[in-house]
Amino acid sequence: MTHPQDSTGTQGAAGAALLQGWISRTDLARELGVCEETLRRWADARHGPPFVKAGRKILYRRATVLDWLERQEDVAPRRARAGGRR
């Protein structure tokens, strides 16, 4: 008997329960409105949300992504540069 795959690529209810609270790179890219390559670049630059590798699969803990997003919030507005363009 085969089971449909969930969004993390695992099969069956046991896999879904095990990975509850985790999201695949594909799904995170879709939710953030960026492409997967952007998430790869952020990971390479150590700028993006933390992730784990399970074999060849990249997974993000949803709670950690939310924490990371909150840290990205721009608290103080940027000051305009003096002098403008030349």
PDB file of N, CA and C in Angstrom:
ATOM      1  N   MET A   1       0.847  -1.188   0.000  1.00  0.00           N
ATOM      2  CA  MET A   1       0.000   0.000   0.000  1.00  0.00           C
ATOM      3  C   MET A   1       0.883   1.239   0.000  1.00  0.00           C
ATOM      4  N   THR A   2       0.610   2.170  -0.892  1.00  0.00           N
ATOM      5  CA  THR A   2       1.394   3.395  -0.944  1.00  0.00           C
ATOM      6  C   THR A   2       0.622   4.521  -0.291  1.00  0.00           C
ATOM      7  N   HIS A   3       1.374   5.485   0.229  1.00  0.00           N
ATOM      8  CA  HIS A   3       0.780   6.645   0.884  1.00  0.00           C
ATOM      9  C   HIS A   3       1.174   7.892   0.114  1.00  0.00           C
ATOM     10  N   PRO A   4       0.290   8.843   0.011  1.00  0.00           N
ATOM     11  CA  PRO A   4       0.650  10.095  -0.677  1.00  0.00           C
ATOM     12  C   PRO A   4       1.732  10.826   0.099  1.00  0.00           C
ATOM     13  N   GLN A   5       2.554  11.549  -0.634  1.00  0.00           N
ATOM     14  CA  GLN A   5       3.616  12.314   0.019  1.00  0.00           C
ATOM     15  C   GLN A   5       3.066  13.630   0.529  1.00  0.00           C
ATOM     16  N   ASP A   6       3.597  14.055   1.705  1.00  0.00           N
ATOM     17  CA  ASP A   6       3.216  15.373   2.211  1.00  0.00           C
ATOM     18  C   ASP A   6       4.192  16.405   1.677  1.00  0.00           C
ATOM     19  N   SER A   7       4.096  17.657   2.126  1.00  0.00           N
ATOM     20  CA  SER A   7       4.904  18.741   1.578  1.00  0.00           C
ATOM     21  C   SER A   7       6.394  18.589   1.864  1.00  0.00           C
ATOM     22  N   THR A   8       6.791  17.762   2.818  1.00  0.00           N
ATOM     23  CA  THR A   8       8.207  17.573   3.097  1.00  0.00           C
ATOM     24  C   THR A   8       8.765  16.394   2.338  1.00  0.00           C
ATOM     25  N   GLY A   9       7.924  15.698   1.539  1.00  0.00           N
ATOM     26  CA  GLY A   9       8.382  14.589   0.742  1.00  0.00           C
ATOM     27  C   GLY A   9       8.392  13.268   1.473  1.00  0.00           C
ATOM     28  N   THR A  10       7.883  13.224   2.691  1.00  0.00           N
ATOM     29  CA  THR A  10       7.836  11.975   3.439  1.00  0.00           C
ATOM     30  C   THR A  10       6.539  11.272   3.136  1.00  0.00           C
ATOM     31  N   GLN A  11       6.500   9.987   3.423  1.00  0.00           N
ATOM     32  CA  GLN A  11       5.298   9.239   3.108  1.00  0.00           C
ATOM     33  C   GLN A  11       4.555   8.851   4.366  1.00  0.00           C
ATOM     34  N   GLY A  12       3.233   8.869   4.266  1.00  0.00           N
ATOM     35  CA  GLY A  12       2.383   8.333   5.316  1.00  0.00           C
ATOM     36  C   GLY A  12       2.210   9.223   6.518  1.00  0.00           C
ATOM     37  N   ALA A  13       1.311   8.765   7.408  1.00  0.00           N
ATOM     38  CA  ALA A  13       0.984   9.517   8.615  1.00  0.00           C
ATOM     39  C   ALA A  13       2.140   9.545   9.595  1.00  0.00           C
ATOM     40  N   ALA A  14       2.928   8.465   9.666  1.00  0.00           N
ATOM     41  CA  ALA A  14       4.054   8.426  10.600  1.00  0.00           C
ATOM     42  C   ALA A  14       5.072   9.505  10.253  1.00  0.00           C
ATOM     43  N   GLY A  15       5.369   9.675   8.964  1.00  0.00           N
ATOM     44  CA  GLY A  15       6.294  10.718   8.540  1.00  0.00           C
ATOM     45  C   GLY A  15       5.752  12.097   8.810  1.00  0.00           C
ATOM     46  N   ALA A  16       4.455  12.276   8.613  1.00  0.00           N
ATOM     47  CA  ALA A  16       3.827  13.571   8.857  1.00  0.00           C
ATOM     48  C   ALA A  16       3.889  13.931  10.332  1.00  0.00           C
ATOM     49  N   ALA A  17       3.676  12.950  11.205  1.00  0.00           N
ATOM     50  CA  ALA A  17       3.733  13.214  12.646  1.00  0.00           C
ATOM     51  C   ALA A  17       5.161  13.531  13.079  1.00  0.00           C
ATOM     52  N   LEU A  18       6.112  12.805  12.524  1.00  0.00           N
ATOM     53  CA  LEU A  18       7.515  13.014  12.879  1.00  0.00           C
ATOM     54  C   LEU A  18       7.988  14.409  12.496  1.00  0.00           C
ATOM     55  N   LEU A  19       7.547  14.885  11.346  1.00  0.00           N
ATOM     56  CA  LEU A  19       8.038  16.164  10.837  1.00  0.00           C
ATOM     57  C   LEU A  19       7.065  17.315  11.055  1.00  0.00           C
ATOM     58  N   GLN A  20       6.134  17.123  11.964  1.00  0.00           N
ATOM     59  CA  GLN A  20       5.205  18.203  12.283  1.00  0.00           C
ATOM     60  C   GLN A  20       6.002  19.383  12.827  1.00  0.00           C
ATOM     61  N   GLY A  21       5.729  20.565  12.326  1.00  0.00           N
ATOM     62  CA  GLY A  21       6.461  21.751  12.767  1.00  0.00           C
ATOM     63  C   GLY A  21       7.658  22.067  11.892  1.00  0.00           C
ATOM     64  N   TRP A  22       7.905  21.255  10.871  1.00  0.00           N
ATOM     65  CA  TRP A  22       9.012  21.474   9.950  1.00  0.00           C
ATOM     66  C   TRP A  22       8.453  21.777   8.570  1.00  0.00           C
ATOM     67  N   ILE A  23       9.233  22.488   7.754  1.00  0.00           N
ATOM     68  CA  ILE A  23       8.806  22.869   6.408  1.00  0.00           C
ATOM     69  C   ILE A  23       9.972  22.663   5.447  1.00  0.00           C
ATOM     70  N   SER A  24       9.662  22.254   4.241  1.00  0.00           N
ATOM     71  CA  SER A  24      10.691  22.034   3.225  1.00  0.00           C
ATOM     72  C   SER A  24      11.144  23.381   2.650  1.00  0.00           C
ATOM     73  N   ARG A  25      12.283  23.360   1.988  1.00  0.00           N
ATOM     74  CA  ARG A  25      12.803  24.575   1.360  1.00  0.00           C
ATOM     75  C   ARG A  25      11.835  25.078   0.288  1.00  0.00           C
ATOM     76  N   THR A  26      11.269  24.157  -0.474  1.00  0.00           N
ATOM     77  CA  THR A  26      10.313  24.528  -1.515  1.00  0.00           C
ATOM     78  C   THR A  26       9.110  25.254  -0.924  1.00  0.00           C
ATOM     79  N   ASP A  27       8.557  24.697   0.147  1.00  0.00           N
ATOM     80  CA  ASP A  27       7.377  25.303   0.771  1.00  0.00           C
ATOM     81  C   ASP A  27       7.717  26.624   1.446  1.00  0.00           C
ATOM     82  N   LEU A  28       8.890  26.710   2.071  1.00  0.00           N
ATOM     83  CA  LEU A  28       9.277  27.970   2.707  1.00  0.00           C
ATOM     84  C   LEU A  28       9.469  29.057   1.657  1.00  0.00           C
ATOM     85  N   ALA A  29      10.110  28.720   0.561  1.00  0.00           N
ATOM     86  CA  ALA A  29      10.298  29.700  -0.514  1.00  0.00           C
ATOM     87  C   ALA A  29       8.945  30.215  -0.993  1.00  0.00           C
ATOM     88  N   ARG A  30       7.994  29.311  -1.168  1.00  0.00           N
ATOM     89  CA  ARG A  30       6.660  29.705  -1.614  1.00  0.00           C
ATOM     90  C   ARG A  30       6.006  30.628  -0.588  1.00  0.00           C
ATOM     91  N   GLU A  31       6.101  30.277   0.696  1.00  0.00           N
ATOM     92  CA  GLU A  31       5.452  31.100   1.737  1.00  0.00           C
ATOM     93  C   GLU A  31       6.105  32.473   1.880  1.00  0.00           C
ATOM     94  N   LEU A  32       7.422  32.562   1.681  1.00  0.00           N
ATOM     95  CA  LEU A  32       8.117  33.841   1.801  1.00  0.00           C
ATOM     96  C   LEU A  32       8.046  34.662   0.522  1.00  0.00           C
ATOM     97  N   GLY A  33       7.643  34.022  -0.583  1.00  0.00           N
ATOM     98  CA  GLY A  33       7.576  34.736  -1.852  1.00  0.00           C
ATOM     99  C   GLY A  33       8.939  34.946  -2.475  1.00  0.00           C
ATOM    100  N   VAL A  34       9.871  34.040  -2.208  1.00  0.00           N
ATOM    101  CA  VAL A  34      11.203  34.091  -2.809  1.00  0.00           C
ATOM    102  C   VAL A  34      11.440  32.769  -3.526  1.00  0.00           C
ATOM    103  N   CYS A  35      12.471  32.710  -4.347  1.00  0.00           N
ATOM    104  CA  CYS A  35      12.771  31.453  -5.020  1.00  0.00           C
ATOM    105  C   CYS A  35      13.704  30.613  -4.135  1.00  0.00           C
ATOM    106  N   GLU A  36      13.774  29.328  -4.434  1.00  0.00           N
ATOM    107  CA  GLU A  36      14.630  28.440  -3.655  1.00  0.00           C
ATOM    108  C   GLU A  36      16.086  28.857  -3.748  1.00  0.00           C
ATOM    109  N   GLU A  37      16.494  29.403  -4.882  1.00  0.00           N
ATOM    110  CA  GLU A  37      17.874  29.862  -5.042  1.00  0.00           C
ATOM    111  C   GLU A  37      18.197  30.972  -4.049  1.00  0.00           C
ATOM    112  N   THR A  38      17.242  31.832  -3.757  1.00  0.00           N
ATOM    113  CA  THR A  38      17.451  32.887  -2.755  1.00  0.00           C
ATOM    114  C   THR A  38      17.729  32.262  -1.398  1.00  0.00           C
ATOM    115  N   LEU A  39      16.958  31.245  -1.023  1.00  0.00           N
ATOM    116  CA  LEU A  39      17.207  30.569   0.252  1.00  0.00           C
ATOM    117  C   LEU A  39      18.579  29.908   0.256  1.00  0.00           C
ATOM    118  N   ARG A  40      18.995  29.354  -0.879  1.00  0.00           N
ATOM    119  CA  ARG A  40      20.339  28.757  -0.971  1.00  0.00           C
ATOM    120  C   ARG A  40      21.416  29.814  -0.772  1.00  0.00           C
ATOM    121  N   ARG A  41      21.248  30.971  -1.430  1.00  0.00           N
ATOM    122  CA  ARG A  41      22.235  32.057  -1.275  1.00  0.00           C
ATOM    123  C   ARG A  41      22.291  32.546   0.162  1.00  0.00           C
ATOM    124  N   TRP A  42      21.108  32.711   0.786  1.00  0.00           N
ATOM    125  CA  TRP A  42      21.081  33.133   2.184  1.00  0.00           C
ATOM    126  C   TRP A  42      21.803  32.121   3.065  1.00  0.00           C
ATOM    127  N   ALA A  43      21.593  30.841   2.800  1.00  0.00           N
ATOM    128  CA  ALA A  43      22.251  29.794   3.588  1.00  0.00           C
ATOM    129  C   ALA A  43      23.768  29.862   3.404  1.00  0.00           C
ATOM    130  N   ASP A  44      24.213  30.044   2.158  1.00  0.00           N
ATOM    131  CA  ASP A  44      25.650  30.135   1.892  1.00  0.00           C
ATOM    132  C   ASP A  44      26.282  31.334   2.585  1.00  0.00           C
ATOM    133  N   ALA A  45      25.526  32.432   2.667  1.00  0.00           N
ATOM    134  CA  ALA A  45      26.026  33.652   3.312  1.00  0.00           C
ATOM    135  C   ALA A  45      25.776  33.651   4.819  1.00  0.00           C
ATOM    136  N   ARG A  46      25.159  32.580   5.316  1.00  0.00           N
ATOM    137  CA  ARG A  46      24.792  32.469   6.734  1.00  0.00           C
ATOM    138  C   ARG A  46      23.916  33.651   7.169  1.00  0.00           C
ATOM    139  N   HIS A  47      23.016  34.037   6.273  1.00  0.00           N
ATOM    140  CA  HIS A  47      22.126  35.168   6.528  1.00  0.00           C
ATOM    141  C   HIS A  47      20.684  34.709   6.750  1.00  0.00           C
ATOM    142  N   GLY A  48      20.322  33.590   6.185  1.00  0.00           N
ATOM    143  CA  GLY A  48      18.940  33.126   6.223  1.00  0.00           C
ATOM    144  C   GLY A  48      18.600  32.366   7.486  1.00  0.00           C
ATOM    145  N   PRO A  49      17.390  31.834   7.528  1.00  0.00           N
ATOM    146  CA  PRO A  49      16.952  31.080   8.703  1.00  0.00           C
ATOM    147  C   PRO A  49      17.739  29.778   8.848  1.00  0.00           C
ATOM    148  N   PRO A  50      17.973  29.333  10.081  1.00  0.00           N
ATOM    149  CA  PRO A  50      18.685  28.074  10.308  1.00  0.00           C
ATOM    150  C   PRO A  50      17.893  26.894   9.740  1.00  0.00           C
ATOM    151  N   PHE A  51      18.612  25.868   9.338  1.00  0.00           N
ATOM    152  CA  PHE A  51      17.983  24.682   8.768  1.00  0.00           C
ATOM    153  C   PHE A  51      18.758  23.438   9.165  1.00  0.00           C
ATOM    154  N   VAL A  52      18.181  22.293   8.907  1.00  0.00           N
ATOM    155  CA  VAL A  52      18.860  21.022   9.109  1.00  0.00           C
ATOM    156  C   VAL A  52      18.832  20.263   7.789  1.00  0.00           C
ATOM    157  N   LYS A  53      19.818  19.400   7.611  1.00  0.00           N
ATOM    158  CA  LYS A  53      19.854  18.531   6.451  1.00  0.00           C
ATOM    159  C   LYS A  53      19.532  17.123   6.915  1.00  0.00           C
ATOM    160  N   ALA A  54      18.551  16.529   6.282  1.00  0.00           N
ATOM    161  CA  ALA A  54      18.196  15.125   6.527  1.00  0.00           C
ATOM    162  C   ALA A  54      18.457  14.407   5.211  1.00  0.00           C
ATOM    163  N   GLY A  55      19.632  13.845   5.080  1.00  0.00           N
ATOM    164  CA  GLY A  55      20.031  13.286   3.794  1.00  0.00           C
ATOM    165  C   GLY A  55      20.228  14.432   2.821  1.00  0.00           C
ATOM    166  N   ARG A  56      19.498  14.396   1.721  1.00  0.00           N
ATOM    167  CA  ARG A  56      19.577  15.470   0.731  1.00  0.00           C
ATOM    168  C   ARG A  56      18.481  16.500   0.924  1.00  0.00           C
ATOM    169  N   LYS A  57      17.644  16.316   1.907  1.00  0.00           N
ATOM    170  CA  LYS A  57      16.502  17.197   2.162  1.00  0.00           C
ATOM    171  C   LYS A  57      16.906  18.319   3.122  1.00  0.00           C
ATOM    172  N   ILE A  58      16.487  19.526   2.828  1.00  0.00           N
ATOM    173  CA  ILE A  58      16.697  20.686   3.701  1.00  0.00           C
ATOM    174  C   ILE A  58      15.366  20.976   4.378  1.00  0.00           C
ATOM    175  N   LEU A  59      15.388  21.066   5.706  1.00  0.00           N
ATOM    176  CA  LEU A  59      14.166  21.329   6.467  1.00  0.00           C
ATOM    177  C   LEU A  59      14.380  22.505   7.411  1.00  0.00           C
ATOM    178  N   TYR A  60      13.340  23.285   7.562  1.00  0.00           N
ATOM    179  CA  TYR A  60      13.352  24.443   8.452  1.00  0.00           C
ATOM    180  C   TYR A  60      12.298  24.233   9.525  1.00  0.00           C
ATOM    181  N   ARG A  61      12.656  24.511  10.772  1.00  0.00           N
ATOM    182  CA  ARG A  61      11.670  24.452  11.850  1.00  0.00           C
ATOM    183  C   ARG A  61      10.842  25.738  11.779  1.00  0.00           C
ATOM    184  N   ARG A  62       9.526  25.591  11.694  1.00  0.00           N
ATOM    185  CA  ARG A  62       8.653  26.757  11.541  1.00  0.00           C
ATOM    186  C   ARG A  62       8.871  27.790  12.647  1.00  0.00           C
ATOM    187  N   ALA A  63       8.981  27.361  13.893  1.00  0.00           N
ATOM    188  CA  ALA A  63       9.162  28.290  15.014  1.00  0.00           C
ATOM    189  C   ALA A  63      10.471  29.068  14.869  1.00  0.00           C
ATOM    190  N   THR A  64      11.521  28.411  14.371  1.00  0.00           N
ATOM    191  CA  THR A  64      12.811  29.070  14.185  1.00  0.00           C
ATOM    192  C   THR A  64      12.745  30.081  13.052  1.00  0.00           C
ATOM    193  N   VAL A  65      12.005  29.746  11.995  1.00  0.00           N
ATOM    194  CA  VAL A  65      11.827  30.689  10.885  1.00  0.00           C
ATOM    195  C   VAL A  65      11.087  31.936  11.382  1.00  0.00           C
ATOM    196  N   LEU A  66      10.067  31.746  12.206  1.00  0.00           N
ATOM    197  CA  LEU A  66       9.339  32.893  12.761  1.00  0.00           C
ATOM    198  C   LEU A  66      10.251  33.766  13.609  1.00  0.00           C
ATOM    199  N   ASP A  67      11.104  33.144  14.434  1.00  0.00           N
ATOM    200  CA  ASP A  67      12.069  33.904  15.236  1.00  0.00           C
ATOM    201  C   ASP A  67      13.014  34.688  14.330  1.00  0.00           C
ATOM    202  N   TRP A  68      13.495  34.036  13.284  1.00  0.00           N
ATOM    203  CA  TRP A  68      14.407  34.684  12.342  1.00  0.00           C
ATOM    204  C   TRP A  68      13.722  35.876  11.669  1.00  0.00           C
ATOM    205  N   LEU A  69      12.477  35.699  11.268  1.00  0.00           N
ATOM    206  CA  LEU A  69      11.742  36.793  10.643  1.00  0.00           C
ATOM    207  C   LEU A  69      11.594  37.982  11.590  1.00  0.00           C
ATOM    208  N   GLU A  70      11.324  37.713  12.854  1.00  0.00           N
ATOM    209  CA  GLU A  70      11.199  38.800  13.829  1.00  0.00           C
ATOM    210  C   GLU A  70      12.516  39.545  13.992  1.00  0.00           C
ATOM    211  N   ARG A  71      13.638  38.833  13.933  1.00  0.00           N
ATOM    212  CA  ARG A  71      14.948  39.493  14.038  1.00  0.00           C
ATOM    213  C   ARG A  71      15.254  40.349  12.808  1.00  0.00           C
ATOM    214  N   GLN A  72      14.584  40.063  11.681  1.00  0.00           N
ATOM    215  CA  GLN A  72      14.809  40.833  10.457  1.00  0.00           C
ATOM    216  C   GLN A  72      14.039  42.138  10.449  1.00  0.00           C
ATOM    217  N   GLU A  73      13.119  42.268  11.398  1.00  0.00           N
ATOM    218  CA  GLU A  73      12.291  43.468  11.445  1.00  0.00           C
ATOM    219  C   GLU A  73      13.168  44.695  11.639  1.00  0.00           C
ATOM    220  N   ASP A  74      12.949  45.689  10.813  1.00  0.00           N
ATOM    221  CA  ASP A  74      13.726  46.923  10.863  1.00  0.00           C
ATOM    222  C   ASP A  74      13.109  47.827  11.916  1.00  0.00           C
ATOM    223  N   VAL A  75      13.772  47.939  13.068  1.00  0.00           N
ATOM    224  CA  VAL A  75      13.226  48.696  14.190  1.00  0.00           C
ATOM    225  C   VAL A  75      13.341  50.192  13.953  1.00  0.00           C
ATOM    226  N   ALA A  76      14.507  50.654  13.548  1.00  0.00           N
ATOM    227  CA  ALA A  76      14.722  52.086  13.354  1.00  0.00           C
ATOM    228  C   ALA A  76      14.728  52.400  11.863  1.00  0.00           C
ATOM    229  N   PRO A  77      14.033  53.439  11.453  1.00  0.00           N
ATOM    230  CA  PRO A  77      14.070  53.809  10.035  1.00  0.00           C
ATOM    231  C   PRO A  77      15.474  54.253   9.636  1.00  0.00           C
ATOM    232  N   ARG A  78      15.833  53.980   8.411  1.00  0.00           N
ATOM    233  CA  ARG A  78      17.161  54.379   7.936  1.00  0.00           C
ATOM    234  C   ARG A  78      17.195  55.875   7.705  1.00  0.00           C
ATOM    235  N   ARG A  79      18.362  56.441   8.013  1.00  0.00           N
ATOM    236  CA  ARG A  79      18.528  57.863   7.785  1.00  0.00           C
ATOM    237  C   ARG A  79      18.863  58.105   6.314  1.00  0.00           C
ATOM    238  N   ALA A  80      18.376  59.203   5.804  1.00  0.00           N
ATOM    239  CA  ALA A  80      18.713  59.584   4.431  1.00  0.00           C
ATOM    240  C   ALA A  80      20.151  60.063   4.398  1.00  0.00           C
ATOM    241  N   ARG A  81      20.832  59.732   3.314  1.00  0.00           N
ATOM    242  CA  ARG A  81      22.209  60.202   3.175  1.00  0.00           C
ATOM    243  C   ARG A  81      22.223  61.704   2.917  1.00  0.00           C
ATOM    244  N   ALA A  82      23.181  62.360   3.527  1.00  0.00           N
ATOM    245  CA  ALA A  82      23.330  63.801   3.304  1.00  0.00           C
ATOM    246  C   ALA A  82      23.954  64.031   1.924  1.00  0.00           C
ATOM    247  N   GLY A  83      23.508  65.042   1.253  1.00  0.00           N
ATOM    248  CA  GLY A  83      24.129  65.425  -0.008  1.00  0.00           C
ATOM    249  C   GLY A  83      23.430  64.882  -1.230  1.00  0.00           C
ATOM    250  N   GLY A  84      22.720  63.809  -1.104  1.00  0.00           N
ATOM    251  CA  GLY A  84      22.004  63.268  -2.261  1.00  0.00           C
ATOM    252  C   GLY A  84      22.923  62.758  -3.342  1.00  0.00           C
ATOM    253  N   ARG A  85      22.384  62.591  -4.544  1.00  0.00           N
ATOM    254  CA  ARG A  85      23.182  62.099  -5.676  1.00  0.00           C
ATOM    255  C   ARG A  85      24.036  63.196  -6.263  1.00  0.00           C
ATOM    256  N   ARG A  86      25.129  62.785  -6.853  1.00  0.00           N
ATOM    257  CA  ARG A  86      26.017  63.757  -7.523  1.00  0.00           C
ATOM    258  C   ARG A  86      26.042  63.503  -8.983  1.00  0.00           C
TER     259      ARG A  86
END
